[in-house]
Amino acid sequence: MPQDTLEQRAVLWTQALVRVPSVSGSPACLQVLETARDLIESTGVEADIRILFPEAPNPVLLARTGRGKAGVPELMLSGHVDVVPPAGMEDPWSARIEGDRMHGRGTTDMKSGAACALTTFCEAARQGVDGVLWLILSTDEETAAQGVVRALGCPDAPRPQLCVICEPTDLCVRSAHRGDCWIRVDFTGKSAHSSRPHLGINAIEAAALFIVHAKKRLPELLAENAAAGPASSSIDLVSGGAAENVVPASASVTIDFRYQG
């Protein structure tokens, strides 16, 4: 199949995946795996395709093609097709194309990568491969990330020697992965009526001061690593308060660290 046709297929398959609103934990997570399975089957290639744990909140698609051959390592293509909530995006499931860009929740992270993995898997199955090629797609990478762990714990689970994960890396090949750590900082104040705030201790104001100082210090905690890409930090959750007219007695701030191992 010509390369441009493969690229066109990857684009069309990305659109098919993006149009399924597969927010982590939602029923659409099973639907998006069924869509991926249907895309593989539409090509008519020889492959064993299973959807594991269809009744669970984190189903997994596992596909296999090729036959084991002595001395030939097994390879796995891996990715996830769940997404975070659209958070007010306009037409998050449209997968519309404007110029050279596709718009939609999960287009980059990482349904386009999953579509490329699907396309590669099907083309390898069409041409025939020495050894075994696996494909695994998970639906809870954005949350607990336990679906693949459970799948790989099965007695007949694949044991590939090499795995390629198609996460967006600006086309740089990375040989390592950043870790992720969520740190929540809690603040305790004292409640009072907001008409007499001097009788209370405002926990939200304390949290706000913390955020200001944290933004200055967080870059000092981030180390660089060429194998895994740059570290990062982001203050992603702030909560607190009981009512509009009550000095808040509690608040919390959550920081997401993507750190080097």
C-alpha atoms as a PDB file:
ATOM      1  CA  MET A   1       0.000   0.000   0.000  1.00  0.00           C
ATOM      2  CA  PRO A   2       1.475   3.425  -0.938  1.00  0.00           C
ATOM      3  CA  GLN A   3       2.718   5.549   1.929  1.00  0.00           C
ATOM      4  CA  ASP A   4       0.309   8.403   1.218  1.00  0.00           C
ATOM      5  CA  THR A   5      -2.611   5.940   1.480  1.00  0.00           C
ATOM      6  CA  LEU A   6      -1.359   4.741   4.852  1.00  0.00           C
ATOM      7  CA  GLU A   7      -1.152   8.336   6.030  1.00  0.00           C
ATOM      8  CA  GLN A   8      -4.667   9.002   4.789  1.00  0.00           C
ATOM      9  CA  ARG A   9      -5.905   5.919   6.626  1.00  0.00           C
ATOM     10  CA  ALA A  10      -4.218   7.079   9.834  1.00  0.00           C
ATOM     11  CA  VAL A  11      -5.979  10.446   9.548  1.00  0.00           C
ATOM     12  CA  LEU A  12      -9.381   8.859   8.910  1.00  0.00           C
ATOM     13  CA  TRP A  13      -8.896   6.419  11.780  1.00  0.00           C
ATOM     14  CA  THR A  14      -7.868   9.243  14.083  1.00  0.00           C
ATOM     15  CA  GLN A  15     -11.131  10.977  13.266  1.00  0.00           C
ATOM     16  CA  ALA A  16     -13.079   7.781  13.945  1.00  0.00           C
ATOM     17  CA  LEU A  17     -11.478   7.464  17.397  1.00  0.00           C
ATOM     18  CA  VAL A  18     -11.804  11.150  18.303  1.00  0.00           C
ATOM     19  CA  ARG A  19     -15.523  11.095  17.504  1.00  0.00           C
ATOM     20  CA  VAL A  20     -16.085   8.628  20.337  1.00  0.00           C
ATOM     21  CA  PRO A  21     -16.354  10.626  23.623  1.00  0.00           C
ATOM     22  CA  SER A  22     -14.227   8.165  25.590  1.00  0.00           C
ATOM     23  CA  VAL A  23     -13.703  10.111  28.815  1.00  0.00           C
ATOM     24  CA  SER A  24     -11.938   7.862  31.329  1.00  0.00           C
ATOM     25  CA  GLY A  25     -14.405   5.707  33.249  1.00  0.00           C
ATOM     26  CA  SER A  26     -17.327   6.365  30.914  1.00  0.00           C
ATOM     27  CA  PRO A  27     -19.246   3.693  28.929  1.00  0.00           C
ATOM     28  CA  ALA A  28     -17.731   5.180  25.762  1.00  0.00           C
ATOM     29  CA  CYS A  29     -14.397   3.581  26.733  1.00  0.00           C
ATOM     30  CA  LEU A  30     -15.773   0.227  25.624  1.00  0.00           C
ATOM     31  CA  GLN A  31     -17.244   1.858  22.518  1.00  0.00           C
ATOM     32  CA  VAL A  32     -13.890   3.308  21.429  1.00  0.00           C
ATOM     33  CA  LEU A  33     -12.241  -0.121  21.738  1.00  0.00           C
ATOM     34  CA  GLU A  34     -15.053  -1.631  19.684  1.00  0.00           C
ATOM     35  CA  THR A  35     -14.392   1.067  17.096  1.00  0.00           C
ATOM     36  CA  ALA A  36     -10.686   0.161  17.062  1.00  0.00           C
ATOM     37  CA  ARG A  37     -11.546  -3.530  16.692  1.00  0.00           C
ATOM     38  CA  ASP A  38     -13.920  -2.766  13.816  1.00  0.00           C
ATOM     39  CA  LEU A  39     -11.217  -0.731  12.072  1.00  0.00           C
ATOM     40  CA  ILE A  40      -8.808  -3.669  12.206  1.00  0.00           C
ATOM     41  CA  GLU A  41     -11.460  -6.122  11.021  1.00  0.00           C
ATOM     42  CA  SER A  42     -12.435  -3.801   8.151  1.00  0.00           C
ATOM     43  CA  THR A  43      -9.038  -4.443   6.545  1.00  0.00           C
ATOM     44  CA  GLY A  44      -9.544  -8.199   6.459  1.00  0.00           C
ATOM     45  CA  VAL A  45      -6.091  -8.911   7.874  1.00  0.00           C
ATOM     46  CA  GLU A  46      -5.329 -12.043   9.865  1.00  0.00           C
ATOM     47  CA  ALA A  47      -5.209 -11.113  13.532  1.00  0.00           C
ATOM     48  CA  ASP A  48      -6.450 -12.332  16.893  1.00  0.00           C
ATOM     49  CA  ILE A  49      -8.365  -9.446  18.530  1.00  0.00           C
ATOM     50  CA  ARG A  50      -9.814  -9.497  22.026  1.00  0.00           C
ATOM     51  CA  ILE A  51     -11.437  -6.915  24.266  1.00  0.00           C
ATOM     52  CA  LEU A  52     -10.524  -7.785  27.834  1.00  0.00           C
ATOM     53  CA  PHE A  53     -12.672  -6.870  30.853  1.00  0.00           C
ATOM     54  CA  PRO A  54     -15.569  -5.387  28.813  1.00  0.00           C
ATOM     55  CA  GLU A  55     -17.709  -5.000  31.948  1.00  0.00           C
ATOM     56  CA  ALA A  56     -15.003  -3.121  33.853  1.00  0.00           C
ATOM     57  CA  PRO A  57     -14.493   0.658  33.836  1.00  0.00           C
ATOM     58  CA  ASN A  58     -11.108   0.111  32.169  1.00  0.00           C
ATOM     59  CA  PRO A  59     -11.419  -2.391  29.306  1.00  0.00           C
ATOM     60  CA  VAL A  60      -8.357  -3.212  27.206  1.00  0.00           C
ATOM     61  CA  LEU A  61      -7.978  -4.194  23.559  1.00  0.00           C
ATOM     62  CA  LEU A  62      -5.319  -6.805  22.858  1.00  0.00           C
ATOM     63  CA  ALA A  63      -4.482  -7.909  19.320  1.00  0.00           C
ATOM     64  CA  ARG A  64      -1.852 -10.270  17.941  1.00  0.00           C
ATOM     65  CA  THR A  65      -0.550 -11.038  14.489  1.00  0.00           C
ATOM     66  CA  GLY A  66       2.315 -13.125  13.151  1.00  0.00           C
ATOM     67  CA  ARG A  67       3.777 -16.348  14.450  1.00  0.00           C
ATOM     68  CA  GLY A  68       6.553 -16.953  16.904  1.00  0.00           C
ATOM     69  CA  LYS A  69       9.937 -17.564  15.342  1.00  0.00           C
ATOM     70  CA  ALA A  70      13.111 -18.590  17.133  1.00  0.00           C
ATOM     71  CA  GLY A  71      15.552 -15.747  17.551  1.00  0.00           C
ATOM     72  CA  VAL A  72      13.037 -13.076  16.517  1.00  0.00           C
ATOM     73  CA  PRO A  73      11.989 -10.754  19.375  1.00  0.00           C
ATOM     74  CA  GLU A  74       8.327  -9.986  19.951  1.00  0.00           C
ATOM     75  CA  LEU A  75       7.267  -6.342  19.545  1.00  0.00           C
ATOM     76  CA  MET A  76       4.323  -4.513  21.101  1.00  0.00           C
ATOM     77  CA  LEU A  77       2.624  -1.291  19.983  1.00  0.00           C
ATOM     78  CA  SER A  78       0.956   0.357  22.963  1.00  0.00           C
ATOM     79  CA  GLY A  79      -1.281   3.340  23.581  1.00  0.00           C
ATOM     80  CA  HIS A  80      -4.406   4.661  25.265  1.00  0.00           C
ATOM     81  CA  VAL A  81      -7.686   5.887  23.830  1.00  0.00           C
ATOM     82  CA  ASP A  82      -9.256   7.463  26.917  1.00  0.00           C
ATOM     83  CA  VAL A  83      -9.289  11.239  27.339  1.00  0.00           C
ATOM     84  CA  VAL A  84      -9.778  13.829  30.046  1.00  0.00           C
ATOM     85  CA  PRO A  85     -13.138  15.687  30.111  1.00  0.00           C
ATOM     86  CA  PRO A  86     -13.576  18.319  27.368  1.00  0.00           C
ATOM     87  CA  ALA A  87     -13.733  21.154  29.934  1.00  0.00           C
ATOM     88  CA  GLY A  88     -15.727  23.606  27.843  1.00  0.00           C
ATOM     89  CA  MET A  89     -14.093  22.860  24.472  1.00  0.00           C
ATOM     90  CA  GLU A  90     -16.143  23.804  21.438  1.00  0.00           C
ATOM     91  CA  ASP A  91     -17.152  20.707  19.437  1.00  0.00           C
ATOM     92  CA  PRO A  92     -14.733  18.424  21.308  1.00  0.00           C
ATOM     93  CA  TRP A  93     -15.787  15.311  19.373  1.00  0.00           C
ATOM     94  CA  SER A  94     -16.006  16.781  15.867  1.00  0.00           C
ATOM     95  CA  ALA A  95     -12.478  15.836  14.707  1.00  0.00           C
ATOM     96  CA  ARG A  96     -12.812  18.593  12.152  1.00  0.00           C
ATOM     97  CA  ILE A  97      -9.802  19.420   9.986  1.00  0.00           C
ATOM     98  CA  GLU A  98      -8.821  23.034   9.361  1.00  0.00           C
ATOM     99  CA  GLY A  99      -5.744  23.445   7.208  1.00  0.00           C
ATOM    100  CA  ASP A 100      -3.218  20.932   8.461  1.00  0.00           C
ATOM    101  CA  ARG A 101      -4.712  20.617  11.961  1.00  0.00           C
ATOM    102  CA  MET A 102      -7.344  18.325  13.398  1.00  0.00           C
ATOM    103  CA  HIS A 103      -9.401  19.668  16.300  1.00  0.00           C
ATOM    104  CA  GLY A 104     -10.931  17.527  19.028  1.00  0.00           C
ATOM    105  CA  ARG A 105     -10.352  16.196  22.529  1.00  0.00           C
ATOM    106  CA  GLY A 106      -7.680  13.527  22.496  1.00  0.00           C
ATOM    107  CA  THR A 107      -6.466  14.241  18.964  1.00  0.00           C
ATOM    108  CA  THR A 108      -2.865  14.618  20.135  1.00  0.00           C
ATOM    109  CA  ASP A 109      -3.012  12.718  23.429  1.00  0.00           C
ATOM    110  CA  MET A 110      -3.155  10.207  21.983  1.00  0.00           C
ATOM    111  CA  LYS A 111      -5.766   9.034  19.516  1.00  0.00           C
ATOM    112  CA  SER A 112      -3.602  10.053  16.578  1.00  0.00           C
ATOM    113  CA  GLY A 113      -0.815   7.902  18.017  1.00  0.00           C
ATOM    114  CA  ALA A 114      -3.269   5.050  18.574  1.00  0.00           C
ATOM    115  CA  ALA A 115      -4.489   5.384  14.990  1.00  0.00           C
ATOM    116  CA  CYS A 116      -0.881   5.193  13.747  1.00  0.00           C
ATOM    117  CA  ALA A 117      -0.363   2.068  15.862  1.00  0.00           C
ATOM    118  CA  LEU A 118      -3.548   0.544  14.420  1.00  0.00           C
ATOM    119  CA  THR A 119      -2.469   1.404  10.870  1.00  0.00           C
ATOM    120  CA  THR A 120       1.005  -0.044  11.423  1.00  0.00           C
ATOM    121  CA  PHE A 121      -0.386  -3.201  13.004  1.00  0.00           C
ATOM    122  CA  CYS A 122      -2.762  -3.814  10.093  1.00  0.00           C
ATOM    123  CA  GLU A 123      -0.121  -3.129   7.450  1.00  0.00           C
ATOM    124  CA  ALA A 124       2.332  -5.472   9.183  1.00  0.00           C
ATOM    125  CA  ALA A 125      -0.373  -8.134   9.309  1.00  0.00           C
ATOM    126  CA  ARG A 126      -1.111  -7.589   5.611  1.00  0.00           C
ATOM    127  CA  GLN A 127       2.531  -7.942   4.597  1.00  0.00           C
ATOM    128  CA  GLY A 128       3.275 -10.716   7.057  1.00  0.00           C
ATOM    129  CA  VAL A 129       5.838 -10.487   9.826  1.00  0.00           C
ATOM    130  CA  ASP A 130       8.545 -12.763  11.145  1.00  0.00           C
ATOM    131  CA  GLY A 131       7.821 -13.191  14.807  1.00  0.00           C
ATOM    132  CA  VAL A 132       4.905 -11.748  16.735  1.00  0.00           C
ATOM    133  CA  LEU A 133       3.502  -8.222  16.744  1.00  0.00           C
ATOM    134  CA  TRP A 134       1.157  -7.195  19.562  1.00  0.00           C
ATOM    135  CA  LEU A 135      -1.149  -4.215  19.899  1.00  0.00           C
ATOM    136  CA  ILE A 136      -2.556  -3.120  23.251  1.00  0.00           C
ATOM    137  CA  LEU A 137      -4.870  -0.145  23.850  1.00  0.00           C
ATOM    138  CA  SER A 138      -5.930   0.933  27.320  1.00  0.00           C
ATOM    139  CA  THR A 139      -8.770   3.163  28.529  1.00  0.00           C
ATOM    140  CA  ASP A 140      -7.642   4.419  31.938  1.00  0.00           C
ATOM    141  CA  GLU A 141      -4.232   5.984  31.305  1.00  0.00           C
ATOM    142  CA  GLU A 142      -5.574   9.379  32.358  1.00  0.00           C
ATOM    143  CA  THR A 143      -6.726   8.018  35.739  1.00  0.00           C
ATOM    144  CA  ALA A 144      -5.664   4.860  37.583  1.00  0.00           C
ATOM    145  CA  ALA A 145      -3.676   3.269  34.722  1.00  0.00           C
ATOM    146  CA  GLN A 146      -4.499  -0.242  35.943  1.00  0.00           C
ATOM    147  CA  GLY A 147      -6.080  -1.738  32.810  1.00  0.00           C
ATOM    148  CA  VAL A 148      -2.797  -2.723  31.156  1.00  0.00           C
ATOM    149  CA  VAL A 149      -1.406  -3.905  34.503  1.00  0.00           C
ATOM    150  CA  ARG A 150      -4.388  -6.223  34.847  1.00  0.00           C
ATOM    151  CA  ALA A 151      -4.108  -7.393  31.233  1.00  0.00           C
ATOM    152  CA  LEU A 152      -0.414  -8.199  31.576  1.00  0.00           C
ATOM    153  CA  GLY A 153      -1.190 -10.179  34.719  1.00  0.00           C
ATOM    154  CA  CYS A 154      -3.281 -12.715  32.805  1.00  0.00           C
ATOM    155  CA  PRO A 155      -1.770 -16.206  32.390  1.00  0.00           C
ATOM    156  CA  ASP A 156      -1.578 -15.867  28.592  1.00  0.00           C
ATOM    157  CA  ALA A 157      -0.407 -12.259  28.623  1.00  0.00           C
ATOM    158  CA  PRO A 158       2.139 -11.130  26.037  1.00  0.00           C
ATOM    159  CA  ARG A 159       5.771 -10.838  27.031  1.00  0.00           C
ATOM    160  CA  PRO A 160       7.325  -8.676  24.292  1.00  0.00           C
ATOM    161  CA  GLN A 161      11.014  -7.801  24.294  1.00  0.00           C
ATOM    162  CA  LEU A 162      10.341  -4.299  22.973  1.00  0.00           C
ATOM    163  CA  CYS A 163       7.420  -1.898  23.281  1.00  0.00           C
ATOM    164  CA  VAL A 164       6.748   1.259  21.278  1.00  0.00           C
ATOM    165  CA  ILE A 165       4.363   3.791  22.864  1.00  0.00           C
ATOM    166  CA  CYS A 166       3.009   6.409  20.493  1.00  0.00           C
ATOM    167  CA  GLU A 167       2.578   9.271  22.964  1.00  0.00           C
ATOM    168  CA  PRO A 168       3.247  12.764  21.539  1.00  0.00           C
ATOM    169  CA  THR A 169       6.934  13.674  21.859  1.00  0.00           C
ATOM    170  CA  ASP A 170       7.311  16.228  19.049  1.00  0.00           C
ATOM    171  CA  LEU A 171       8.631  13.357  16.910  1.00  0.00           C
ATOM    172  CA  CYS A 172      11.614  12.797  19.237  1.00  0.00           C
ATOM    173  CA  VAL A 173      12.263   9.159  20.106  1.00  0.00           C
ATOM    174  CA  ARG A 174      12.495   8.798  23.883  1.00  0.00           C
ATOM    175  CA  SER A 175      13.981   5.781  25.637  1.00  0.00           C
ATOM    176  CA  ALA A 176      12.588   6.590  29.085  1.00  0.00           C
ATOM    177  CA  HIS A 177       9.398   7.925  30.649  1.00  0.00           C
ATOM    178  CA  ARG A 178       8.858  10.673  33.158  1.00  0.00           C
ATOM    179  CA  GLY A 179       7.312   9.776  36.490  1.00  0.00           C
ATOM    180  CA  ASP A 180       4.189  11.474  37.790  1.00  0.00           C
ATOM    181  CA  CYS A 181       3.502  12.597  41.329  1.00  0.00           C
ATOM    182  CA  TRP A 182       0.478  14.483  42.655  1.00  0.00           C
ATOM    183  CA  ILE A 183       1.154  16.443  45.854  1.00  0.00           C
ATOM    184  CA  ARG A 184      -1.730  17.976  47.801  1.00  0.00           C
ATOM    185  CA  VAL A 185      -1.027  20.694  50.332  1.00  0.00           C
ATOM    186  CA  ASP A 186      -3.782  21.319  52.902  1.00  0.00           C
ATOM    187  CA  PHE A 187      -4.345  24.599  54.742  1.00  0.00           C
ATOM    188  CA  THR A 188      -6.271  24.920  57.994  1.00  0.00           C
ATOM    189  CA  GLY A 189      -7.764  28.237  59.079  1.00  0.00           C
ATOM    190  CA  LYS A 190     -10.561  29.310  61.363  1.00  0.00           C
ATOM    191  CA  SER A 191     -14.159  29.855  60.336  1.00  0.00           C
ATOM    192  CA  ALA A 192     -15.973  33.133  60.962  1.00  0.00           C
ATOM    193  CA  HIS A 193     -18.764  35.149  59.422  1.00  0.00           C
ATOM    194  CA  SER A 194     -17.423  37.214  56.547  1.00  0.00           C
ATOM    195  CA  SER A 195     -18.933  40.364  58.065  1.00  0.00           C
ATOM    196  CA  ARG A 196     -16.313  39.989  60.820  1.00  0.00           C
ATOM    197  CA  PRO A 197     -13.360  38.399  59.015  1.00  0.00           C
ATOM    198  CA  HIS A 198     -10.884  39.510  61.671  1.00  0.00           C
ATOM    199  CA  LEU A 199     -12.304  36.788  63.935  1.00  0.00           C
ATOM    200  CA  GLY A 200     -11.274  34.061  61.509  1.00  0.00           C
ATOM    201  CA  ILE A 201      -8.201  32.814  59.677  1.00  0.00           C
ATOM    202  CA  ASN A 202      -8.687  32.622  55.922  1.00  0.00           C
ATOM    203  CA  ALA A 203      -7.334  29.310  54.592  1.00  0.00           C
ATOM    204  CA  ILE A 204      -7.826  30.339  50.947  1.00  0.00           C
ATOM    205  CA  GLU A 205      -5.677  33.433  51.415  1.00  0.00           C
ATOM    206  CA  ALA A 206      -2.966  31.202  52.890  1.00  0.00           C
ATOM    207  CA  ALA A 207      -3.274  28.901  49.872  1.00  0.00           C
ATOM    208  CA  ALA A 208      -2.993  31.884  47.534  1.00  0.00           C
ATOM    209  CA  LEU A 209       0.231  33.026  49.200  1.00  0.00           C
ATOM    210  CA  PHE A 210       1.559  29.486  48.922  1.00  0.00           C
ATOM    211  CA  ILE A 211       0.813  29.431  45.173  1.00  0.00           C
ATOM    212  CA  VAL A 212       2.698  32.691  44.639  1.00  0.00           C
ATOM    213  CA  HIS A 213       5.791  31.376  46.437  1.00  0.00           C
ATOM    214  CA  ALA A 214       5.514  27.893  44.913  1.00  0.00           C
ATOM    215  CA  LYS A 215       5.561  29.270  41.372  1.00  0.00           C
ATOM    216  CA  LYS A 216       8.921  30.868  42.143  1.00  0.00           C
ATOM    217  CA  ARG A 217      10.450  27.736  43.674  1.00  0.00           C
ATOM    218  CA  LEU A 218       9.014  24.913  41.563  1.00  0.00           C
ATOM    219  CA  PRO A 219      11.457  25.370  38.626  1.00  0.00           C
ATOM    220  CA  GLU A 220      14.353  24.713  41.018  1.00  0.00           C
ATOM    221  CA  LEU A 221      12.988  21.197  41.649  1.00  0.00           C
ATOM    222  CA  LEU A 222      12.927  20.177  38.003  1.00  0.00           C
ATOM    223  CA  ALA A 223      15.887  18.337  36.511  1.00  0.00           C
ATOM    224  CA  GLU A 224      16.506  17.757  32.818  1.00  0.00           C
ATOM    225  CA  ASN A 225      16.974  14.330  31.271  1.00  0.00           C
ATOM    226  CA  ALA A 226      17.527  13.893  27.555  1.00  0.00           C
ATOM    227  CA  ALA A 227      16.137  10.355  27.548  1.00  0.00           C
ATOM    228  CA  ALA A 228      12.749  11.247  29.017  1.00  0.00           C
ATOM    229  CA  GLY A 229      12.333  14.867  27.992  1.00  0.00           C
ATOM    230  CA  PRO A 230      11.939  17.937  30.187  1.00  0.00           C
ATOM    231  CA  ALA A 231      10.428  17.713  33.654  1.00  0.00           C
ATOM    232  CA  SER A 232       7.439  19.889  34.449  1.00  0.00           C
ATOM    233  CA  SER A 233       5.136  21.011  37.221  1.00  0.00           C
ATOM    234  CA  SER A 234       1.653  22.464  37.213  1.00  0.00           C
ATOM    235  CA  ILE A 235      -0.731  23.657  39.929  1.00  0.00           C
ATOM    236  CA  ASP A 236      -3.919  21.987  38.760  1.00  0.00           C
ATOM    237  CA  LEU A 237      -6.445  21.921  41.597  1.00  0.00           C
ATOM    238  CA  VAL A 238      -7.449  24.516  44.179  1.00  0.00           C
ATOM    239  CA  SER A 239     -10.381  23.911  46.520  1.00  0.00           C
ATOM    240  CA  GLY A 240     -11.795  25.366  49.693  1.00  0.00           C
ATOM    241  CA  GLY A 241     -14.528  27.403  51.275  1.00  0.00           C
ATOM    242  CA  ALA A 242     -18.020  26.600  52.536  1.00  0.00           C
ATOM    243  CA  ALA A 243     -20.174  29.559  51.476  1.00  0.00           C
ATOM    244  CA  GLU A 244     -19.967  33.041  50.011  1.00  0.00           C
ATOM    245  CA  ASN A 245     -20.348  34.681  53.430  1.00  0.00           C
ATOM    246  CA  VAL A 246     -18.097  32.432  55.526  1.00  0.00           C
ATOM    247  CA  VAL A 247     -14.370  32.862  56.114  1.00  0.00           C
ATOM    248  CA  PRO A 248     -12.950  29.541  54.828  1.00  0.00           C
ATOM    249  CA  ALA A 249     -11.502  27.235  57.468  1.00  0.00           C
ATOM    250  CA  SER A 250      -9.881  24.880  54.964  1.00  0.00           C
ATOM    251  CA  ALA A 251      -8.348  24.858  51.512  1.00  0.00           C
ATOM    252  CA  SER A 252      -6.087  22.645  49.442  1.00  0.00           C
ATOM    253  CA  VAL A 253      -3.738  22.973  46.488  1.00  0.00           C
ATOM    254  CA  THR A 254      -2.667  20.058  44.284  1.00  0.00           C
ATOM    255  CA  ILE A 255       0.542  20.125  42.230  1.00  0.00           C
ATOM    256  CA  ASP A 256       1.289  17.744  39.363  1.00  0.00           C
ATOM    257  CA  PHE A 257       5.005  16.909  39.055  1.00  0.00           C
ATOM    258  CA  ARG A 258       6.302  15.135  35.933  1.00  0.00           C
ATOM    259  CA  TYR A 259       9.751  14.222  37.169  1.00  0.00           C
ATOM    260  CA  GLN A 260      12.846  12.390  35.952  1.00  0.00           C
ATOM    261  CA  GLY A 261      13.554   8.950  37.288  1.00  0.00           C
END
